[in-house]
Structures are given as structure tokens and as C-alpha cells.
Full PDB file with SEQRES, HELIX, SHEET, SSBOND, CRYST1, ORIGX, SCALE, CONECT and MASTER records, all heavy atoms in Angstrom:
SEQRES   1 A   38  ASN PHE SER PRO MET VAL ASP ILE SER ARG ASP PRO ARG          
SEQRES   2 A   38  TRP GLY ARG ILE SER GLU GLY ALA GLY GLU ASP ALA TYR          
SEQRES   3 A   38  LEU GLY SER ALA ILE ALA ARG ALA MET VAL THR GLY              
HELIX    1 AA1 GLY A   15  GLU A   19  5                                   5    
HELIX    2 AA2 ALA A   25  THR A   37  1                                  13    
CRYST1    1.000    1.000    1.000  90.00  90.00  90.00 P 1           1          
ORIGX1      1.000000  0.000000  0.000000        0.00000                         
ORIGX2      0.000000  1.000000  0.000000        0.00000                         
ORIGX3      0.000000  0.000000  1.000000        0.00000                         
SCALE1      1.000000  0.000000  0.000000        0.00000                         
SCALE2      0.000000  1.000000  0.000000        0.00000                         
SCALE3      0.000000  0.000000  1.000000        0.00000                         
ATOM      1  N   ASN A   1     -21.591  32.191 -76.220  1.00  0.00           N  
ATOM      2  CA  ASN A   1     -20.825  30.965 -75.883  1.00  0.00           C  
ATOM      3  C   ASN A   1     -21.497  30.102 -74.946  1.00  0.00           C  
ATOM      4  O   ASN A   1     -21.926  30.633 -73.777  1.00  0.00           O  
ATOM      5  CB  ASN A   1     -19.459  31.308 -75.460  1.00  0.00           C  
ATOM      6  CG  ASN A   1     -18.571  30.059 -75.314  1.00  0.00           C  
ATOM      7  OD1 ASN A   1     -18.859  28.975 -75.741  1.00  0.00           O  
ATOM      8  ND2 ASN A   1     -17.457  30.167 -74.649  1.00  0.00           N  
ATOM      9  N   PHE A   2     -21.813  28.861 -75.238  1.00  0.00           N  
ATOM     10  CA  PHE A   2     -22.407  27.934 -74.327  1.00  0.00           C  
ATOM     11  C   PHE A   2     -21.367  27.355 -73.355  1.00  0.00           C  
ATOM     12  O   PHE A   2     -21.104  26.166 -73.326  1.00  0.00           O  
ATOM     13  CB  PHE A   2     -23.105  26.766 -75.193  1.00  0.00           C  
ATOM     14  CG  PHE A   2     -24.061  27.233 -76.172  1.00  0.00           C  
ATOM     15  CD1 PHE A   2     -24.253  26.583 -77.339  1.00  0.00           C  
ATOM     16  CD2 PHE A   2     -24.884  28.425 -75.953  1.00  0.00           C  
ATOM     17  CE1 PHE A   2     -25.059  27.011 -78.399  1.00  0.00           C  
ATOM     18  CE2 PHE A   2     -25.763  28.829 -77.007  1.00  0.00           C  
ATOM     19  CZ  PHE A   2     -25.850  28.104 -78.159  1.00  0.00           C  
ATOM     20  N   SER A   3     -20.911  28.243 -72.463  1.00  0.00           N  
ATOM     21  CA  SER A   3     -19.780  27.940 -71.590  1.00  0.00           C  
ATOM     22  C   SER A   3     -19.801  29.113 -70.561  1.00  0.00           C  
ATOM     23  O   SER A   3     -20.198  30.290 -70.945  1.00  0.00           O  
ATOM     24  CB  SER A   3     -18.523  27.937 -72.246  1.00  0.00           C  
ATOM     25  OG  SER A   3     -17.415  27.687 -71.383  1.00  0.00           O  
ATOM     26  N   PRO A   4     -19.456  28.884 -69.307  1.00  0.00           N  
ATOM     27  CA  PRO A   4     -18.832  27.736 -68.745  1.00  0.00           C  
ATOM     28  C   PRO A   4     -19.755  26.638 -68.242  1.00  0.00           C  
ATOM     29  O   PRO A   4     -20.883  27.048 -67.860  1.00  0.00           O  
ATOM     30  CB  PRO A   4     -18.014  28.301 -67.613  1.00  0.00           C  
ATOM     31  CG  PRO A   4     -18.857  29.486 -67.088  1.00  0.00           C  
ATOM     32  CD  PRO A   4     -19.479  30.035 -68.317  1.00  0.00           C  
ATOM     33  N   MET A   5     -19.155  25.453 -68.318  1.00  0.00           N  
ATOM     34  CA  MET A   5     -19.931  24.369 -67.579  1.00  0.00           C  
ATOM     35  C   MET A   5     -19.445  24.263 -66.198  1.00  0.00           C  
ATOM     36  O   MET A   5     -18.274  23.942 -65.908  1.00  0.00           O  
ATOM     37  CB  MET A   5     -19.561  23.061 -68.384  1.00  0.00           C  
ATOM     38  CG  MET A   5     -20.582  21.976 -68.037  1.00  0.00           C  
ATOM     39  SD  MET A   5     -20.175  21.045 -66.476  1.00  0.00           S  
ATOM     40  CE  MET A   5     -19.554  19.519 -67.151  1.00  0.00           C  
ATOM     41  N   VAL A   6     -20.294  24.450 -65.234  1.00  0.00           N  
ATOM     42  CA  VAL A   6     -19.885  24.614 -63.823  1.00  0.00           C  
ATOM     43  C   VAL A   6     -20.382  23.470 -63.000  1.00  0.00           C  
ATOM     44  O   VAL A   6     -20.386  23.662 -61.677  1.00  0.00           O  
ATOM     45  CB  VAL A   6     -20.291  25.956 -63.271  1.00  0.00           C  
ATOM     46  CG1 VAL A   6     -19.578  27.084 -64.103  1.00  0.00           C  
ATOM     47  CG2 VAL A   6     -21.697  26.197 -63.139  1.00  0.00           C  
ATOM     48  N   ASP A   7     -20.863  22.408 -63.557  1.00  0.00           N  
ATOM     49  CA  ASP A   7     -21.446  21.333 -62.802  1.00  0.00           C  
ATOM     50  C   ASP A   7     -20.505  20.568 -61.919  1.00  0.00           C  
ATOM     51  O   ASP A   7     -19.437  20.241 -62.393  1.00  0.00           O  
ATOM     52  CB  ASP A   7     -22.116  20.298 -63.711  1.00  0.00           C  
ATOM     53  CG  ASP A   7     -23.143  20.808 -64.651  1.00  0.00           C  
ATOM     54  OD1 ASP A   7     -23.993  21.688 -64.164  1.00  0.00           O  
ATOM     55  OD2 ASP A   7     -23.129  20.444 -65.873  1.00  0.00           O  
ATOM     56  N   ILE A   8     -20.714  20.560 -60.582  1.00  0.00           N  
ATOM     57  CA  ILE A   8     -20.044  19.754 -59.724  1.00  0.00           C  
ATOM     58  C   ILE A   8     -20.223  18.233 -59.969  1.00  0.00           C  
ATOM     59  O   ILE A   8     -21.304  17.809 -60.075  1.00  0.00           O  
ATOM     60  CB  ILE A   8     -20.394  20.013 -58.224  1.00  0.00           C  
ATOM     61  CG1 ILE A   8     -19.932  21.608 -57.934  1.00  0.00           C  
ATOM     62  CG2 ILE A   8     -19.608  19.126 -57.147  1.00  0.00           C  
ATOM     63  CD1 ILE A   8     -18.527  21.881 -58.011  1.00  0.00           C  
ATOM     64  N   SER A   9     -19.115  17.476 -60.014  1.00  0.00           N  
ATOM     65  CA  SER A   9     -19.261  16.114 -60.244  1.00  0.00           C  
ATOM     66  C   SER A   9     -18.377  15.291 -59.215  1.00  0.00           C  
ATOM     67  O   SER A   9     -17.178  15.592 -59.197  1.00  0.00           O  
ATOM     68  CB  SER A   9     -19.051  15.645 -61.638  1.00  0.00           C  
ATOM     69  OG  SER A   9     -19.044  14.206 -61.863  1.00  0.00           O  
ATOM     70  N   ARG A  10     -18.848  14.287 -58.655  1.00  0.00           N  
ATOM     71  CA  ARG A  10     -18.079  13.419 -57.714  1.00  0.00           C  
ATOM     72  C   ARG A  10     -18.171  11.922 -58.192  1.00  0.00           C  
ATOM     73  O   ARG A  10     -17.967  11.009 -57.494  1.00  0.00           O  
ATOM     74  CB  ARG A  10     -18.698  13.525 -56.358  1.00  0.00           C  
ATOM     75  CG  ARG A  10     -18.320  15.015 -55.814  1.00  0.00           C  
ATOM     76  CD  ARG A  10     -19.079  15.256 -54.519  1.00  0.00           C  
ATOM     77  NE  ARG A  10     -18.635  16.663 -54.082  1.00  0.00           N  
ATOM     78  CZ  ARG A  10     -19.101  17.212 -53.054  1.00  0.00           C  
ATOM     79  NH1 ARG A  10     -20.073  16.680 -52.275  1.00  0.00           N  
ATOM     80  NH2 ARG A  10     -18.713  18.459 -52.649  1.00  0.00           N  
ATOM     81  N   ASP A  11     -18.512  11.821 -59.514  1.00  0.00           N  
ATOM     82  CA  ASP A  11     -18.647  10.483 -60.038  1.00  0.00           C  
ATOM     83  C   ASP A  11     -17.796  10.429 -61.421  1.00  0.00           C  
ATOM     84  O   ASP A  11     -18.313  10.849 -62.386  1.00  0.00           O  
ATOM     85  CB  ASP A  11     -19.964  10.119 -60.332  1.00  0.00           C  
ATOM     86  CG  ASP A  11     -20.243   8.635 -60.623  1.00  0.00           C  
ATOM     87  OD1 ASP A  11     -19.382   8.018 -61.064  1.00  0.00           O  
ATOM     88  OD2 ASP A  11     -21.401   8.210 -60.397  1.00  0.00           O  
ATOM     89  N   PRO A  12     -16.570   9.902 -61.390  1.00  0.00           N  
ATOM     90  CA  PRO A  12     -15.789   9.758 -62.602  1.00  0.00           C  
ATOM     91  C   PRO A  12     -16.395   8.897 -63.688  1.00  0.00           C  
ATOM     92  O   PRO A  12     -15.898   8.876 -64.813  1.00  0.00           O  
ATOM     93  CB  PRO A  12     -14.436   9.254 -62.058  1.00  0.00           C  
ATOM     94  CG  PRO A  12     -14.697   8.611 -60.835  1.00  0.00           C  
ATOM     95  CD  PRO A  12     -15.915   9.358 -60.198  1.00  0.00           C  
ATOM     96  N   ARG A  13     -17.424   8.158 -63.320  1.00  0.00           N  
ATOM     97  CA  ARG A  13     -18.051   7.384 -64.417  1.00  0.00           C  
ATOM     98  C   ARG A  13     -18.741   8.266 -65.439  1.00  0.00           C  
ATOM     99  O   ARG A  13     -18.892   7.988 -66.545  1.00  0.00           O  
ATOM    100  CB  ARG A  13     -19.024   6.335 -63.778  1.00  0.00           C  
ATOM    101  CG  ARG A  13     -18.404   5.262 -62.897  1.00  0.00           C  
ATOM    102  CD  ARG A  13     -19.419   4.408 -62.206  1.00  0.00           C  
ATOM    103  NE  ARG A  13     -20.357   5.229 -61.294  1.00  0.00           N  
ATOM    104  CZ  ARG A  13     -21.288   4.865 -60.712  1.00  0.00           C  
ATOM    105  NH1 ARG A  13     -21.630   3.495 -60.755  1.00  0.00           N  
ATOM    106  NH2 ARG A  13     -22.064   5.622 -59.869  1.00  0.00           N  
ATOM    107  N   TRP A  14     -19.222   9.394 -64.904  1.00  0.00           N  
ATOM    108  CA  TRP A  14     -19.921  10.382 -65.802  1.00  0.00           C  
ATOM    109  C   TRP A  14     -18.955  11.004 -66.721  1.00  0.00           C  
ATOM    110  O   TRP A  14     -17.946  11.656 -66.261  1.00  0.00           O  
ATOM    111  CB  TRP A  14     -20.541  11.441 -64.816  1.00  0.00           C  
ATOM    112  CG  TRP A  14     -21.350  12.329 -65.591  1.00  0.00           C  
ATOM    113  CD1 TRP A  14     -22.482  12.053 -66.444  1.00  0.00           C  
ATOM    114  CD2 TRP A  14     -21.382  13.848 -65.552  1.00  0.00           C  
ATOM    115  NE1 TRP A  14     -23.144  13.181 -66.877  1.00  0.00           N  
ATOM    116  CE2 TRP A  14     -22.460  14.363 -66.322  1.00  0.00           C  
ATOM    117  CE3 TRP A  14     -20.678  14.798 -64.886  1.00  0.00           C  
ATOM    118  CZ2 TRP A  14     -22.752  15.734 -66.518  1.00  0.00           C  
ATOM    119  CZ3 TRP A  14     -20.875  16.099 -64.987  1.00  0.00           C  
ATOM    120  CH2 TRP A  14     -21.907  16.530 -65.822  1.00  0.00           C  
ATOM    121  N   GLY A  15     -19.103  10.876 -67.936  1.00  0.00           N  
ATOM    122  CA  GLY A  15     -18.116  11.391 -68.946  1.00  0.00           C  
ATOM    123  C   GLY A  15     -17.988  12.898 -68.960  1.00  0.00           C  
ATOM    124  O   GLY A  15     -16.837  13.380 -69.286  1.00  0.00           O  
ATOM    125  N   ARG A  16     -18.999  13.600 -68.540  1.00  0.00           N  
ATOM    126  CA  ARG A  16     -18.930  15.038 -68.651  1.00  0.00           C  
ATOM    127  C   ARG A  16     -18.241  15.652 -67.500  1.00  0.00           C  
ATOM    128  O   ARG A  16     -18.035  16.860 -67.377  1.00  0.00           O  
ATOM    129  CB  ARG A  16     -20.340  15.677 -68.804  1.00  0.00           C  
ATOM    130  CG  ARG A  16     -21.078  15.105 -70.027  1.00  0.00           C  
ATOM    131  CD  ARG A  16     -22.254  15.943 -70.465  1.00  0.00           C  
ATOM    132  NE  ARG A  16     -21.858  17.237 -71.095  1.00  0.00           N  
ATOM    133  CZ  ARG A  16     -22.726  18.003 -71.815  1.00  0.00           C  
ATOM    134  NH1 ARG A  16     -23.960  17.622 -71.802  1.00  0.00           N  
ATOM    135  NH2 ARG A  16     -22.358  19.067 -72.498  1.00  0.00           N  
ATOM    136  N   ILE A  17     -17.656  14.829 -66.582  1.00  0.00           N  
ATOM    137  CA  ILE A  17     -16.816  15.345 -65.583  1.00  0.00           C  
ATOM    138  C   ILE A  17     -15.588  16.053 -66.264  1.00  0.00           C  
ATOM    139  O   ILE A  17     -15.078  17.040 -65.624  1.00  0.00           O  
ATOM    140  CB  ILE A  17     -16.229  14.219 -64.563  1.00  0.00           C  
ATOM    141  CG1 ILE A  17     -15.560  14.909 -63.424  1.00  0.00           C  
ATOM    142  CG2 ILE A  17     -15.339  13.265 -65.325  1.00  0.00           C  
ATOM    143  CD1 ILE A  17     -15.172  13.877 -62.301  1.00  0.00           C  
ATOM    144  N   SER A  18     -15.247  15.642 -67.420  1.00  0.00           N  
ATOM    145  CA  SER A  18     -14.214  16.250 -68.253  1.00  0.00           C  
ATOM    146  C   SER A  18     -14.421  17.804 -68.489  1.00  0.00           C  
ATOM    147  O   SER A  18     -13.461  18.530 -68.725  1.00  0.00           O  
ATOM    148  CB  SER A  18     -13.984  15.537 -69.486  1.00  0.00           C  
ATOM    149  OG  SER A  18     -15.115  15.554 -70.321  1.00  0.00           O  
ATOM    150  N   GLU A  19     -15.715  18.145 -68.514  1.00  0.00           N  
ATOM    151  CA  GLU A  19     -16.010  19.531 -68.941  1.00  0.00           C  
ATOM    152  C   GLU A  19     -16.118  20.570 -67.879  1.00  0.00           C  
ATOM    153  O   GLU A  19     -16.316  21.703 -68.059  1.00  0.00           O  
ATOM    154  CB  GLU A  19     -17.394  19.505 -69.609  1.00  0.00           C  
ATOM    155  CG  GLU A  19     -17.457  18.754 -70.965  1.00  0.00           C  
ATOM    156  CD  GLU A  19     -18.869  18.834 -71.539  1.00  0.00           C  
ATOM    157  OE1 GLU A  19     -19.444  19.936 -71.688  1.00  0.00           O  
ATOM    158  OE2 GLU A  19     -19.380  17.701 -71.969  1.00  0.00           O  
ATOM    159  N   GLY A  20     -15.936  20.091 -66.587  1.00  0.00           N  
ATOM    160  CA  GLY A  20     -16.048  20.925 -65.404  1.00  0.00           C  
ATOM    161  C   GLY A  20     -14.755  21.060 -64.630  1.00  0.00           C  
ATOM    162  O   GLY A  20     -13.719  20.631 -65.101  1.00  0.00           O  
ATOM    163  N   ALA A  21     -15.017  21.618 -63.455  1.00  0.00           N  
ATOM    164  CA  ALA A  21     -13.783  21.879 -62.584  1.00  0.00           C  
ATOM    165  C   ALA A  21     -13.574  20.743 -61.496  1.00  0.00           C  
ATOM    166  O   ALA A  21     -12.736  20.985 -60.698  1.00  0.00           O  
ATOM    167  CB  ALA A  21     -13.926  23.246 -61.864  1.00  0.00           C  
ATOM    168  N   GLY A  22     -14.443  19.747 -61.490  1.00  0.00           N  
ATOM    169  CA  GLY A  22     -14.245  18.601 -60.539  1.00  0.00           C  
ATOM    170  C   GLY A  22     -15.268  18.642 -59.406  1.00  0.00           C  
ATOM    171  O   GLY A  22     -16.430  18.975 -59.630  1.00  0.00           O  
ATOM    172  N   GLU A  23     -14.794  18.391 -58.266  1.00  0.00           N  
ATOM    173  CA  GLU A  23     -15.746  18.000 -57.135  1.00  0.00           C  
ATOM    174  C   GLU A  23     -16.053  19.060 -56.135  1.00  0.00           C  
ATOM    175  O   GLU A  23     -16.968  18.906 -55.333  1.00  0.00           O  
ATOM    176  CB  GLU A  23     -15.241  16.757 -56.408  1.00  0.00           C  
ATOM    177  CG  GLU A  23     -14.018  17.015 -55.506  1.00  0.00           C  
ATOM    178  CD  GLU A  23     -13.451  15.825 -54.815  1.00  0.00           C  
ATOM    179  OE1 GLU A  23     -13.287  14.688 -55.543  1.00  0.00           O  
ATOM    180  OE2 GLU A  23     -13.146  15.872 -53.709  1.00  0.00           O  
ATOM    181  N   ASP A  24     -15.328  20.192 -56.238  1.00  0.00           N  
ATOM    182  CA  ASP A  24     -15.404  21.070 -55.063  1.00  0.00           C  
ATOM    183  C   ASP A  24     -16.143  22.391 -55.424  1.00  0.00           C  
ATOM    184  O   ASP A  24     -15.817  23.071 -56.491  1.00  0.00           O  
ATOM    185  CB  ASP A  24     -13.940  21.431 -54.579  1.00  0.00           C  
ATOM    186  CG  ASP A  24     -14.025  22.272 -53.425  1.00  0.00           C  
ATOM    187  OD1 ASP A  24     -14.340  21.763 -52.247  1.00  0.00           O  
ATOM    188  OD2 ASP A  24     -13.759  23.511 -53.550  1.00  0.00           O  
ATOM    189  N   ALA A  25     -16.995  22.813 -54.638  1.00  0.00           N  
ATOM    190  CA  ALA A  25     -17.905  23.983 -54.814  1.00  0.00           C  
ATOM    191  C   ALA A  25     -17.086  25.290 -54.806  1.00  0.00           C  
ATOM    192  O   ALA A  25     -17.260  26.321 -55.387  1.00  0.00           O  
ATOM    193  CB  ALA A  25     -19.069  24.053 -53.861  1.00  0.00           C  
ATOM    194  N   TYR A  26     -16.092  25.266 -53.766  1.00  0.00           N  
ATOM    195  CA  TYR A  26     -15.357  26.490 -53.554  1.00  0.00           C  
ATOM    196  C   TYR A  26     -14.404  26.829 -54.720  1.00  0.00           C  
ATOM    197  O   TYR A  26     -14.348  27.989 -55.318  1.00  0.00           O  
ATOM    198  CB  TYR A  26     -14.592  26.333 -52.245  1.00  0.00           C  
ATOM    199  CG  TYR A  26     -13.712  27.641 -51.923  1.00  0.00           C  
ATOM    200  CD1 TYR A  26     -14.246  28.625 -51.060  1.00  0.00           C  
ATOM    201  CD2 TYR A  26     -12.337  27.834 -52.360  1.00  0.00           C  
ATOM    202  CE1 TYR A  26     -13.570  29.738 -50.762  1.00  0.00           C  
ATOM    203  CE2 TYR A  26     -11.637  29.035 -52.023  1.00  0.00           C  
ATOM    204  CZ  TYR A  26     -12.186  29.972 -51.262  1.00  0.00           C  
ATOM    205  OH  TYR A  26     -11.571  31.119 -50.964  1.00  0.00           O  
ATOM    206  N   LEU A  27     -13.721  25.842 -55.195  1.00  0.00           N  
ATOM    207  CA  LEU A  27     -12.822  25.918 -56.344  1.00  0.00           C  
ATOM    208  C   LEU A  27     -13.629  26.172 -57.605  1.00  0.00           C  
ATOM    209  O   LEU A  27     -13.378  26.964 -58.501  1.00  0.00           O  
ATOM    210  CB  LEU A  27     -11.883  24.796 -56.424  1.00  0.00           C  
ATOM    211  CG  LEU A  27     -10.977  24.654 -57.706  1.00  0.00           C  
ATOM    212  CD1 LEU A  27      -9.931  25.855 -57.690  1.00  0.00           C  
ATOM    213  CD2 LEU A  27     -10.183  23.404 -57.748  1.00  0.00           C  
ATOM    214  N   GLY A  28     -14.751  25.407 -57.632  1.00  0.00           N  
ATOM    215  CA  GLY A  28     -15.588  25.510 -58.838  1.00  0.00           C  
ATOM    216  C   GLY A  28     -16.212  26.989 -58.957  1.00  0.00           C  
ATOM    217  O   GLY A  28     -16.391  27.555 -60.159  1.00  0.00           O  
ATOM    218  N   SER A  29     -16.501  27.559 -57.917  1.00  0.00           N  
ATOM    219  CA  SER A  29     -16.986  28.910 -57.875  1.00  0.00           C  
ATOM    220  C   SER A  29     -15.920  29.878 -58.410  1.00  0.00           C  
ATOM    221  O   SER A  29     -16.221  30.829 -59.217  1.00  0.00           O  
ATOM    222  CB  SER A  29     -17.468  29.306 -56.502  1.00  0.00           C  
ATOM    223  OG  SER A  29     -18.637  28.596 -56.131  1.00  0.00           O  
ATOM    224  N   ALA A  30     -14.660  29.816 -57.933  1.00  0.00           N  
ATOM    225  CA  ALA A  30     -13.618  30.682 -58.411  1.00  0.00           C  
ATOM    226  C   ALA A  30     -13.379  30.501 -59.889  1.00  0.00           C  
ATOM    227  O   ALA A  30     -13.227  31.459 -60.555  1.00  0.00           O  
ATOM    228  CB  ALA A  30     -12.425  30.257 -57.606  1.00  0.00           C  
ATOM    229  N   ILE A  31     -13.447  29.290 -60.348  1.00  0.00           N  
ATOM    230  CA  ILE A  31     -13.275  29.100 -61.802  1.00  0.00           C  
ATOM    231  C   ILE A  31     -14.461  29.596 -62.617  1.00  0.00           C  
ATOM    232  O   ILE A  31     -14.242  30.202 -63.682  1.00  0.00           O  
ATOM    233  CB  ILE A  31     -13.020  27.529 -62.095  1.00  0.00           C  
ATOM    234  CG1 ILE A  31     -11.557  27.124 -61.439  1.00  0.00           C  
ATOM    235  CG2 ILE A  31     -13.046  27.255 -63.544  1.00  0.00           C  
ATOM    236  CD1 ILE A  31     -11.330  25.718 -61.534  1.00  0.00           C  
ATOM    237  N   ALA A  32     -15.625  29.430 -62.096  1.00  0.00           N  
ATOM    238  CA  ALA A  32     -16.782  30.066 -62.745  1.00  0.00           C  
ATOM    239  C   ALA A  32     -16.685  31.536 -63.022  1.00  0.00           C  
ATOM    240  O   ALA A  32     -16.976  32.053 -64.037  1.00  0.00           O  
ATOM    241  CB  ALA A  32     -18.039  29.685 -62.018  1.00  0.00           C  
ATOM    242  N   ARG A  33     -16.242  32.189 -61.882  1.00  0.00           N  
ATOM    243  CA  ARG A  33     -16.088  33.647 -62.012  1.00  0.00           C  
ATOM    244  C   ARG A  33     -15.099  34.050 -62.978  1.00  0.00           C  
ATOM    245  O   ARG A  33     -15.226  34.984 -63.889  1.00  0.00           O  
ATOM    246  CB  ARG A  33     -15.749  34.258 -60.605  1.00  0.00           C  
ATOM    247  CG  ARG A  33     -16.829  34.271 -59.636  1.00  0.00           C  
ATOM    248  CD  ARG A  33     -16.411  35.005 -58.335  1.00  0.00           C  
ATOM    249  NE  ARG A  33     -15.354  34.240 -57.596  1.00  0.00           N  
ATOM    250  CZ  ARG A  33     -15.718  33.354 -56.616  1.00  0.00           C  
ATOM    251  NH1 ARG A  33     -17.004  33.202 -56.281  1.00  0.00           N  
ATOM    252  NH2 ARG A  33     -14.759  32.806 -55.888  1.00  0.00           N  
ATOM    253  N   ALA A  34     -13.939  33.256 -62.974  1.00  0.00           N  
ATOM    254  CA  ALA A  34     -12.793  33.501 -63.967  1.00  0.00           C  
ATOM    255  C   ALA A  34     -13.290  33.405 -65.383  1.00  0.00           C  
ATOM    256  O   ALA A  34     -12.924  34.163 -66.286  1.00  0.00           O  
ATOM    257  CB  ALA A  34     -11.605  32.668 -63.603  1.00  0.00           C  
ATOM    258  N   MET A  35     -14.026  32.311 -65.696  1.00  0.00           N  
ATOM    259  CA  MET A  35     -14.511  32.126 -66.977  1.00  0.00           C  
ATOM    260  C   MET A  35     -15.424  33.096 -67.560  1.00  0.00           C  
ATOM    261  O   MET A  35     -15.433  33.575 -68.583  1.00  0.00           O  
ATOM    262  CB  MET A  35     -15.100  30.680 -67.094  1.00  0.00           C  
ATOM    263  CG  MET A  35     -14.180  29.472 -66.877  1.00  0.00           C  
ATOM    264  SD  MET A  35     -12.902  29.264 -68.028  1.00  0.00           S  
ATOM    265  CE  MET A  35     -13.857  28.565 -69.442  1.00  0.00           C  
ATOM    266  N   VAL A  36     -16.400  33.441 -66.696  1.00  0.00           N  
ATOM    267  CA  VAL A  36     -17.471  34.480 -67.040  1.00  0.00           C  
ATOM    268  C   VAL A  36     -16.801  35.738 -67.362  1.00  0.00           C  
ATOM    269  O   VAL A  36     -17.008  36.435 -68.391  1.00  0.00           O  
ATOM    270  CB  VAL A  36     -18.507  34.624 -66.036  1.00  0.00           C  
ATOM    271  CG1 VAL A  36     -19.482  35.770 -66.283  1.00  0.00           C  
ATOM    272  CG2 VAL A  36     -19.430  33.318 -66.027  1.00  0.00           C  
ATOM    273  N   THR A  37     -15.973  36.141 -66.550  1.00  0.00           N  
ATOM    274  CA  THR A  37     -15.284  37.477 -66.719  1.00  0.00           C  
ATOM    275  C   THR A  37     -14.316  37.492 -67.854  1.00  0.00           C  
ATOM    276  O   THR A  37     -14.157  38.466 -68.605  1.00  0.00           O  
ATOM    277  CB  THR A  37     -14.533  38.053 -65.436  1.00  0.00           C  
ATOM    278  OG1 THR A  37     -13.594  36.976 -65.054  1.00  0.00           O  
ATOM    279  CG2 THR A  37     -15.536  38.234 -64.326  1.00  0.00           C  
ATOM    280  N   GLY A  38     -13.696  36.264 -68.061  1.00  0.00           N  
ATOM    281  CA  GLY A  38     -12.829  36.249 -69.300  1.00  0.00           C  
ATOM    282  C   GLY A  38     -13.708  36.305 -70.595  1.00  0.00           C  
ATOM    283  O   GLY A  38     -13.259  37.022 -71.505  1.00  0.00           O  
TER     284      GLY A  38                                                      
MASTER        0    0    0    2    0    0    0    6  283    1    0    3          
END                                                                             
């Protein structure tokens, strides 16, 4: 599976912000772990 997409984004103009966890590295890290183990 070509997932998870864990790119941090702080620019909502970028369309692919929809594919990630948002702007925060701490929360993004927790979600990355959850997705990989899932």
C-alpha cells in the first residue's frame, strides 16, 4: 500500500494537505505510527 502520507503541511493552498494529518509534527507522528501498525 502506498500509504500513509505523512507530509506536514502549513499551506492550505496545497491540494495534498487533504491526504495528511495537518500541520503538527507531534500529532502527525502519532498518526503515522497508528497507520503503519494498522
